[in-house]
Amino acid sequence: MLGQGLQRGPQQVVTMLDPVDAAKCAPPDSAATFEEVGRQYIAVKEPRWGAHASATAKCVIRKHLIGNLGHRRVDELTAVEIQTFIEGLVKSNARLSSA
């Protein structure tokens, strides 16, 4: 349910974010933090990004995602927390403030 933990391991989260490149990611242990998964995602995806996309994506991921959720274990985040966080980013127009 929405209030429960995601009940997915970190590798499943990476697969949901990017099913094409998920196999390139080494599965983190069950205590992986959002920061660990986020940095792994950057490492896998960055070679496919152009210079501008790379700079923008890394800034957004580091500032908004890792900066706010990085200390949290992926398997402890709930769908409600993530949805609330995303809505907050949208309301604050976070994408435009990534620089």
Protein backbone atom coordinates (compact mmCIF):
# COMPACT_ATOMS: atom_id res chain seq x y z
CA MET A 1 0.00 0.00 0.00
CA LEU A 2 1.05 3.62 -0.29
CA GLY A 3 2.07 4.08 3.34
CA GLN A 4 4.18 0.94 3.45
CA GLY A 5 7.82 0.67 2.45
CA LEU A 6 8.49 0.22 -1.22
CA GLN A 7 9.38 -3.39 -0.47
CA ARG A 8 11.85 -3.41 -3.31
CA GLY A 9 15.54 -3.90 -3.10
CA PRO A 10 17.92 -1.24 -4.38
CA GLN A 11 18.55 -3.16 -7.62
CA GLN A 12 14.81 -3.23 -8.30
CA VAL A 13 14.69 0.54 -7.81
CA VAL A 14 17.51 0.98 -10.34
CA THR A 15 15.65 -1.33 -12.75
CA MET A 16 12.49 0.75 -12.37
CA LEU A 17 14.42 3.96 -13.03
CA ASP A 18 16.23 2.60 -16.06
CA PRO A 19 15.38 -0.90 -17.28
CA VAL A 20 17.78 -0.62 -20.25
CA ASP A 21 20.95 -0.04 -18.23
CA ALA A 22 19.93 -1.77 -15.00
CA ALA A 23 22.01 -4.85 -15.80
CA LYS A 24 25.15 -2.69 -15.78
CA CYS A 25 24.58 -1.77 -12.14
CA ALA A 26 26.06 -4.01 -9.49
CA PRO A 27 23.34 -4.78 -6.96
CA PRO A 28 24.01 -2.84 -3.75
CA ASP A 29 23.47 -4.51 -0.41
CA SER A 30 20.08 -4.27 1.28
CA ALA A 31 21.25 -1.33 3.40
CA ALA A 32 22.07 0.84 0.35
CA THR A 33 21.30 4.50 0.74
CA PHE A 34 19.60 6.63 -1.85
CA GLU A 35 22.95 8.39 -2.32
CA GLU A 36 24.69 5.13 -3.23
CA VAL A 37 22.01 4.22 -5.75
CA GLY A 38 21.96 7.77 -7.14
CA ARG A 39 25.72 7.85 -7.66
CA GLN A 40 25.61 4.43 -9.28
CA TYR A 41 22.86 5.67 -11.60
CA ILE A 42 25.00 8.66 -12.61
CA ALA A 43 28.01 6.43 -13.28
CA VAL A 44 25.98 4.16 -15.57
CA LYS A 45 24.03 6.88 -17.41
CA GLU A 46 26.61 9.67 -17.77
CA PRO A 47 28.40 8.13 -20.78
CA ARG A 48 25.15 8.42 -22.76
CA TRP A 49 24.47 12.04 -21.83
CA GLY A 50 25.73 15.00 -23.81
CA ALA A 51 27.72 17.70 -22.01
CA HIS A 52 24.71 19.89 -21.17
CA ALA A 53 22.49 16.97 -20.15
CA SER A 54 25.29 15.56 -18.02
CA ALA A 55 25.85 18.80 -16.13
CA THR A 56 22.13 19.39 -15.61
CA ALA A 57 21.23 15.84 -14.61
CA LYS A 58 24.14 15.47 -12.20
CA CYS A 59 23.32 18.78 -10.57
CA VAL A 60 19.64 17.92 -10.14
CA ILE A 61 20.40 14.44 -8.83
CA ARG A 62 23.07 15.64 -6.39
CA LYS A 63 21.33 18.79 -5.17
CA HIS A 64 17.70 17.77 -5.01
CA LEU A 65 17.65 14.00 -4.76
CA ILE A 66 20.84 13.06 -2.94
CA GLY A 67 20.79 16.34 -1.01
CA ASN A 68 17.37 15.53 0.44
CA LEU A 69 17.08 11.75 0.38
CA GLY A 70 20.69 10.59 0.20
CA HIS A 71 20.95 9.54 3.83
CA ARG A 72 17.87 7.32 3.62
CA ARG A 73 17.97 3.61 2.93
CA VAL A 74 16.17 2.84 -0.33
CA ASP A 75 14.21 -0.03 1.18
CA GLU A 76 12.83 2.26 3.89
CA LEU A 77 11.41 4.97 1.62
CA THR A 78 7.65 4.84 1.16
CA ALA A 79 5.68 5.65 -1.96
CA VAL A 80 3.91 8.45 -0.06
CA GLU A 81 7.23 10.03 0.95
CA ILE A 82 8.54 9.89 -2.60
CA GLN A 83 5.33 11.31 -4.09
CA THR A 84 5.28 14.13 -1.52
CA PHE A 85 8.93 14.88 -2.25
CA ILE A 86 8.32 14.99 -6.03
CA GLU A 87 5.30 17.26 -5.60
CA GLY A 88 7.42 19.60 -3.48
CA LEU A 89 10.07 19.76 -6.21
CA VAL A 90 7.45 20.52 -8.83
CA LYS A 91 5.85 23.24 -6.70
CA SER A 92 9.20 24.86 -6.02
CA ASN A 93 10.20 24.63 -9.69
CA ALA A 94 13.35 22.79 -8.60
CA ARG A 95 14.49 21.92 -12.11
CA LEU A 96 15.05 25.57 -12.91
CA SER A 97 16.98 26.12 -9.69
CA SER A 98 19.48 23.32 -10.30
CA ALA A 99 22.39 25.57 -11.25
